PDB file of N, CA and C in Angstrom:
ATOM      1  N   MET A   1      91.369 118.798 103.068  1.00  0.00           N
ATOM      2  CA  MET A   1      92.321 117.801 102.499  1.00  0.00           C
ATOM      3  C   MET A   1      92.502 116.902 103.902  1.00  0.00           C
ATOM      4  N   ARG A   2      92.535 115.721 103.650  1.00  0.00           N
ATOM      5  CA  ARG A   2      92.791 114.512 104.659  1.00  0.00           C
ATOM      6  C   ARG A   2      93.794 113.703 104.283  1.00  0.00           C
ATOM      7  N   ALA A   3      94.739 113.268 105.244  1.00  0.00           N
ATOM      8  CA  ALA A   3      95.756 112.426 105.086  1.00  0.00           C
ATOM      9  C   ALA A   3      96.100 111.590 106.375  1.00  0.00           C
ATOM     10  N   SER A   4      96.839 110.649 106.086  1.00  0.00           N
ATOM     11  CA  SER A   4      97.420 109.698 107.208  1.00  0.00           C
ATOM     12  C   SER A   4      98.913 109.563 107.115  1.00  0.00           C
ATOM     13  N   ALA A   5      99.613 109.377 108.086  1.00  0.00           N
ATOM     14  CA  ALA A   5     100.863 108.976 108.026  1.00  0.00           C
ATOM     15  C   ALA A   5     101.146 107.774 107.172  1.00  0.00           C
ATOM     16  N   GLY A   6     102.206 107.877 106.386  1.00  0.00           N
ATOM     17  CA  GLY A   6     102.610 106.885 105.332  1.00  0.00           C
ATOM     18  C   GLY A   6     102.055 107.328 103.936  1.00  0.00           C
ATOM     19  N   ASP A   7     101.009 108.218 103.887  1.00  0.00           N
ATOM     20  CA  ASP A   7     100.579 108.804 102.451  1.00  0.00           C
ATOM     21  C   ASP A   7     101.663 109.669 101.984  1.00  0.00           C
ATOM     22  N   ARG A   8     101.505 109.723 100.646  1.00  0.00           N
ATOM     23  CA  ARG A   8     102.525 110.690 100.045  1.00  0.00           C
ATOM     24  C   ARG A   8     101.833 111.910  99.621  1.00  0.00           C
ATOM     25  N   ILE A   9     102.612 112.978  99.377  1.00  0.00           N
ATOM     26  CA  ILE A   9     102.021 114.239  98.878  1.00  0.00           C
ATOM     27  C   ILE A   9     102.788 114.659  97.740  1.00  0.00           C
ATOM     28  N   LEU A  10     102.015 115.161  96.665  1.00  0.00           N
ATOM     29  CA  LEU A  10     102.652 115.707  95.369  1.00  0.00           C
ATOM     30  C   LEU A  10     102.252 117.049  95.477  1.00  0.00           C
ATOM     31  N   ILE A  11     103.349 117.899  95.250  1.00  0.00           N
ATOM     32  CA  ILE A  11     103.162 119.374  95.077  1.00  0.00           C
ATOM     33  C   ILE A  11     103.654 119.682  93.668  1.00  0.00           C
ATOM     34  N   HIS A  12     102.596 120.190  92.893  1.00  0.00           N
ATOM     35  CA  HIS A  12     102.795 120.543  91.436  1.00  0.00           C
ATOM     36  C   HIS A  12     103.631 121.903  91.354  1.00  0.00           C
ATOM     37  N   GLY A  13     104.532 122.063  90.428  1.00  0.00           N
ATOM     38  CA  GLY A  13     105.166 123.329  90.295  1.00  0.00           C
ATOM     39  C   GLY A  13     104.250 124.296  89.874  1.00  0.00           C
ATOM     40  N   ARG A  14     104.454 125.526  90.459  1.00  0.00           N
ATOM     41  CA  ARG A  14     103.578 126.668  90.192  1.00  0.00           C
ATOM     42  C   ARG A  14     103.771 127.546  89.175  1.00  0.00           C
ATOM     43  N   THR A  15     105.134 127.382  88.580  1.00  0.00           N
ATOM     44  CA  THR A  15     105.508 128.124  87.401  1.00  0.00           C
ATOM     45  C   THR A  15     106.085 127.306  86.310  1.00  0.00           C
ATOM     46  N   VAL A  16     106.085 127.895  85.207  1.00  0.00           N
ATOM     47  CA  VAL A  16     106.724 126.968  84.041  1.00  0.00           C
ATOM     48  C   VAL A  16     108.106 126.725  84.300  1.00  0.00           C
ATOM     49  N   GLY A  17     108.387 125.355  84.190  1.00  0.00           N
ATOM     50  CA  GLY A  17     109.690 125.013  84.386  1.00  0.00           C
ATOM     51  C   GLY A  17     110.042 124.385  85.705  1.00  0.00           C
ATOM     52  N   ALA A  18     109.164 124.640  86.613  1.00  0.00           N
ATOM     53  CA  ALA A  18     109.289 124.248  87.961  1.00  0.00           C
ATOM     54  C   ALA A  18     108.861 122.894  88.159  1.00  0.00           C
ATOM     55  N   GLY A  19     109.679 121.974  88.674  1.00  0.00           N
ATOM     56  CA  GLY A  19     109.307 120.499  88.879  1.00  0.00           C
ATOM     57  C   GLY A  19     108.418 120.418  89.943  1.00  0.00           C
ATOM     58  N   GLU A  20     107.895 119.110  89.989  1.00  0.00           N
ATOM     59  CA  GLU A  20     106.995 118.622  91.023  1.00  0.00           C
ATOM     60  C   GLU A  20     107.899 118.219  92.197  1.00  0.00           C
ATOM     61  N   GLN A  21     107.417 118.279  93.375  1.00  0.00           N
ATOM     62  CA  GLN A  21     108.056 117.823  94.802  1.00  0.00           C
ATOM     63  C   GLN A  21     107.228 116.572  95.198  1.00  0.00           C
ATOM     64  N   HIS A  22     107.988 115.664  95.629  1.00  0.00           N
ATOM     65  CA  HIS A  22     107.217 114.508  96.307  1.00  0.00           C
ATOM     66  C   HIS A  22     107.632 114.427  97.753  1.00  0.00           C
ATOM     67  N   ALA A  23     106.738 114.049  98.607  1.00  0.00           N
ATOM     68  CA  ALA A  23     107.162 113.966 100.042  1.00  0.00           C
ATOM     69  C   ALA A  23     106.265 112.876 100.620  1.00  0.00           C
ATOM     70  N   GLU A  24     106.680 112.305 101.720  1.00  0.00           N
ATOM     71  CA  GLU A  24     105.965 111.272 102.484  1.00  0.00           C
ATOM     72  C   GLU A  24     105.616 112.038 103.882  1.00  0.00           C
ATOM     73  N   ILE A  25     104.268 111.830 104.148  1.00  0.00           N
ATOM     74  CA  ILE A  25     103.690 112.347 105.406  1.00  0.00           C
ATOM     75  C   ILE A  25     104.107 111.330 106.479  1.00  0.00           C
ATOM     76  N   ILE A  26     104.878 111.972 107.418  1.00  0.00           N
ATOM     77  CA  ILE A  26     105.416 111.151 108.509  1.00  0.00           C
ATOM     78  C   ILE A  26     104.729 111.369 109.774  1.00  0.00           C
ATOM     79  N   GLU A  27     103.928 112.489 110.014  1.00  0.00           N
ATOM     80  CA  GLU A  27     103.084 112.748 110.999  1.00  0.00           C
ATOM     81  C   GLU A  27     101.897 113.813 110.627  1.00  0.00           C
ATOM     82  N   VAL A  28     100.746 113.480 111.124  1.00  0.00           N
ATOM     83  CA  VAL A  28      99.613 114.438 110.908  1.00  0.00           C
ATOM     84  C   VAL A  28      99.474 115.087 112.212  1.00  0.00           C
ATOM     85  N   ARG A  29      99.596 116.490 112.181  1.00  0.00           N
ATOM     86  CA  ARG A  29      99.301 117.217 113.488  1.00  0.00           C
ATOM     87  C   ARG A  29      98.029 117.925 113.557  1.00  0.00           C
ATOM     88  N   GLY A  30      97.209 117.815 112.557  1.00  0.00           N
ATOM     89  CA  GLY A  30      95.761 118.516 112.708  1.00  0.00           C
ATOM     90  C   GLY A  30      94.903 117.324 113.167  1.00  0.00           C
ATOM     91  N   GLU A  31      93.636 117.925 113.470  1.00  0.00           N
ATOM     92  CA  GLU A  31      92.664 117.020 113.870  1.00  0.00           C
ATOM     93  C   GLU A  31      92.078 116.332 112.540  1.00  0.00           C
ATOM     94  N   ASP A  32      91.684 114.941 112.932  1.00  0.00           N
ATOM     95  CA  ASP A  32      91.045 114.091 111.810  1.00  0.00           C
ATOM     96  C   ASP A  32      91.595 114.058 110.387  1.00  0.00           C
ATOM     97  N   GLY A  33      92.988 113.980 110.514  1.00  0.00           N
ATOM     98  CA  GLY A  33      93.771 114.011 109.191  1.00  0.00           C
ATOM     99  C   GLY A  33      93.950 115.348 108.538  1.00  0.00           C
ATOM    100  N   ALA A  34      93.618 116.540 109.188  1.00  0.00           N
ATOM    101  CA  ALA A  34      93.848 117.860 108.559  1.00  0.00           C
ATOM    102  C   ALA A  34      95.166 118.319 108.670  1.00  0.00           C
ATOM    103  N   PRO A  35      95.708 119.258 107.830  1.00  0.00           N
ATOM    104  CA  PRO A  35      97.003 119.976 108.051  1.00  0.00           C
ATOM    105  C   PRO A  35      97.188 120.498 109.394  1.00  0.00           C
ATOM    106  N   PRO A  36      98.337 120.712 109.763  1.00  0.00           N
ATOM    107  CA  PRO A  36      99.661 120.637 109.148  1.00  0.00           C
ATOM    108  C   PRO A  36     100.224 119.194 109.151  1.00  0.00           C
ATOM    109  N   TYR A  37     101.034 118.915 108.171  1.00  0.00           N
ATOM    110  CA  TYR A  37     101.671 117.453 108.239  1.00  0.00           C
ATOM    111  C   TYR A  37     103.209 117.744 108.331  1.00  0.00           C
ATOM    112  N   LEU A  38     103.730 116.866 108.966  1.00  0.00           N
ATOM    113  CA  LEU A  38     105.256 116.817 108.980  1.00  0.00           C
ATOM    114  C   LEU A  38     105.627 115.912 107.941  1.00  0.00           C
ATOM    115  N   VAL A  39     106.448 116.298 106.945  1.00  0.00           N
ATOM    116  CA  VAL A  39     106.726 115.607 105.695  1.00  0.00           C
ATOM    117  C   VAL A  39     108.260 115.358 105.737  1.00  0.00           C
ATOM    118  N   ARG A  40     108.616 114.392 104.849  1.00  0.00           N
ATOM    119  CA  ARG A  40     109.990 113.942 104.610  1.00  0.00           C
ATOM    120  C   ARG A  40     110.103 114.154 102.938  1.00  0.00           C
ATOM    121  N   PHE A  41     110.651 115.080 102.370  1.00  0.00           N
ATOM    122  CA  PHE A  41     111.023 115.117 100.917  1.00  0.00           C
ATOM    123  C   PHE A  41     112.027 114.154 100.516  1.00  0.00           C
ATOM    124  N   SER A  42     111.972 113.817  99.204  1.00  0.00           N
ATOM    125  CA  SER A  42     112.863 112.829  98.681  1.00  0.00           C
ATOM    126  C   SER A  42     114.355 113.070  98.884  1.00  0.00           C
ATOM    127  N   ASP A  43     114.855 114.260  99.135  1.00  0.00           N
ATOM    128  CA  ASP A  43     116.328 114.616  99.483  1.00  0.00           C
ATOM    129  C   ASP A  43     116.472 114.431 100.970  1.00  0.00           C
ATOM    130  N   GLY A  44     115.562 114.000 101.763  1.00  0.00           N
ATOM    131  CA  GLY A  44     115.844 113.795 103.200  1.00  0.00           C
ATOM    132  C   GLY A  44     115.377 114.961 104.003  1.00  0.00           C
ATOM    133  N   HIS A  45     114.977 116.133 103.484  1.00  0.00           N
ATOM    134  CA  HIS A  45     114.742 117.204 104.195  1.00  0.00           C
ATOM    135  C   HIS A  45     113.341 117.055 104.844  1.00  0.00           C
ATOM    136  N   GLU A  46     113.130 117.405 106.185  1.00  0.00           N
ATOM    137  CA  GLU A  46     111.929 117.391 106.817  1.00  0.00           C
ATOM    138  C   GLU A  46     111.326 118.739 107.006  1.00  0.00           C
ATOM    139  N   SER A  47     110.022 118.945 106.909  1.00  0.00           N
ATOM    140  CA  SER A  47     109.526 120.180 107.249  1.00  0.00           C
ATOM    141  C   SER A  47     108.213 120.008 107.531  1.00  0.00           C
ATOM    142  N   LEU A  48     107.461 121.045 108.247  1.00  0.00           N
ATOM    143  CA  LEU A  48     105.988 121.198 108.567  1.00  0.00           C
ATOM    144  C   LEU A  48     105.460 121.822 107.315  1.00  0.00           C
ATOM    145  N   LEU A  49     104.278 121.141 106.857  1.00  0.00           N
ATOM    146  CA  LEU A  49     103.653 121.638 105.560  1.00  0.00           C
ATOM    147  C   LEU A  49     102.214 121.951 105.733  1.00  0.00           C
ATOM    148  N   TYR A  50     101.689 123.082 105.380  1.00  0.00           N
ATOM    149  CA  TYR A  50     100.367 123.361 105.181  1.00  0.00           C
ATOM    150  C   TYR A  50     100.107 123.188 103.684  1.00  0.00           C
ATOM    151  N   PRO A  51      99.641 122.217 103.036  1.00  0.00           N
ATOM    152  CA  PRO A  51      99.571 122.130 101.599  1.00  0.00           C
ATOM    153  C   PRO A  51      98.557 123.167 101.029  1.00  0.00           C
ATOM    154  N   GLY A  52      98.821 123.704  99.938  1.00  0.00           N
ATOM    155  CA  GLY A  52      97.926 124.671  99.255  1.00  0.00           C
ATOM    156  C   GLY A  52      97.176 123.961  98.029  1.00  0.00           C
ATOM    157  N   PRO A  53      96.544 124.774  97.270  1.00  0.00           N
ATOM    158  CA  PRO A  53      95.681 124.102  96.049  1.00  0.00           C
ATOM    159  C   PRO A  53      96.462 123.413  95.063  1.00  0.00           C
ATOM    160  N   ASP A  54      97.739 123.616  95.122  1.00  0.00           N
ATOM    161  CA  ASP A  54      98.707 122.932  94.141  1.00  0.00           C
ATOM    162  C   ASP A  54      99.175 121.691  94.662  1.00  0.00           C
ATOM    163  N   SER A  55      98.726 121.050  95.602  1.00  0.00           N
ATOM    164  CA  SER A  55      98.938 119.772  96.184  1.00  0.00           C
ATOM    165  C   SER A  55      97.895 118.755  96.223  1.00  0.00           C
ATOM    166  N   GLU A  56      98.419 117.489  96.186  1.00  0.00           N
ATOM    167  CA  GLU A  56      97.405 116.376  96.244  1.00  0.00           C
ATOM    168  C   GLU A  56      98.079 115.287  97.057  1.00  0.00           C
ATOM    169  N   VAL A  57      97.136 114.599  97.886  1.00  0.00           N
ATOM    170  CA  VAL A  57      97.581 113.496  98.571  1.00  0.00           C
ATOM    171  C   VAL A  57      97.185 112.121  97.899  1.00  0.00           C
ATOM    172  N   LEU A  58      98.293 111.273  97.904  1.00  0.00           N
ATOM    173  CA  LEU A  58      98.262 110.016  97.361  1.00  0.00           C
ATOM    174  C   LEU A  58      98.318 108.916  98.294  1.00  0.00           C
ATOM    175  N   ALA A  59      97.368 108.326  98.538  1.00  0.00           N
ATOM    176  CA  ALA A  59      97.348 107.097  99.386  1.00  0.00           C
ATOM    177  C   ALA A  59      98.087 105.953  98.887  1.00  0.00           C
ATOM    178  N   PRO A  60      98.853 105.142  99.699  1.00  0.00           N
ATOM    179  CA  PRO A  60      99.665 104.173  99.192  1.00  0.00           C
ATOM    180  C   PRO A  60      98.712 102.940  98.587  1.00  0.00           C
ATOM    181  N   GLU A  61      99.153 102.123  97.628  1.00  0.00           N
ATOM    182  CA  GLU A  61      98.456 101.065  97.249  1.00  0.00           C
ATOM    183  C   GLU A  61      98.267 100.022  98.295  1.00  0.00           C
ATOM    184  N   ARG A  62      97.173  99.556  98.598  1.00  0.00           N
ATOM    185  CA  ARG A  62      96.976  98.626  99.731  1.00  0.00           C
ATOM    186  C   ARG A  62      96.545  97.325  99.280  1.00  0.00           C
TER     187      ARG A  62
END
């Protein structure tokens, strides 16, 4: 997985009824766009994230 600051990450719910989570990548701490990512979720919470197979990076429309 590769990402840049400003990309969005979508984390799909892993169980029935679990909603998706959306976050903005504010800093890439790995080499060449690799994880971990410092992200800010829609509720304002910031966290260091190592995305799993249930995640996808969405590049902004340019």
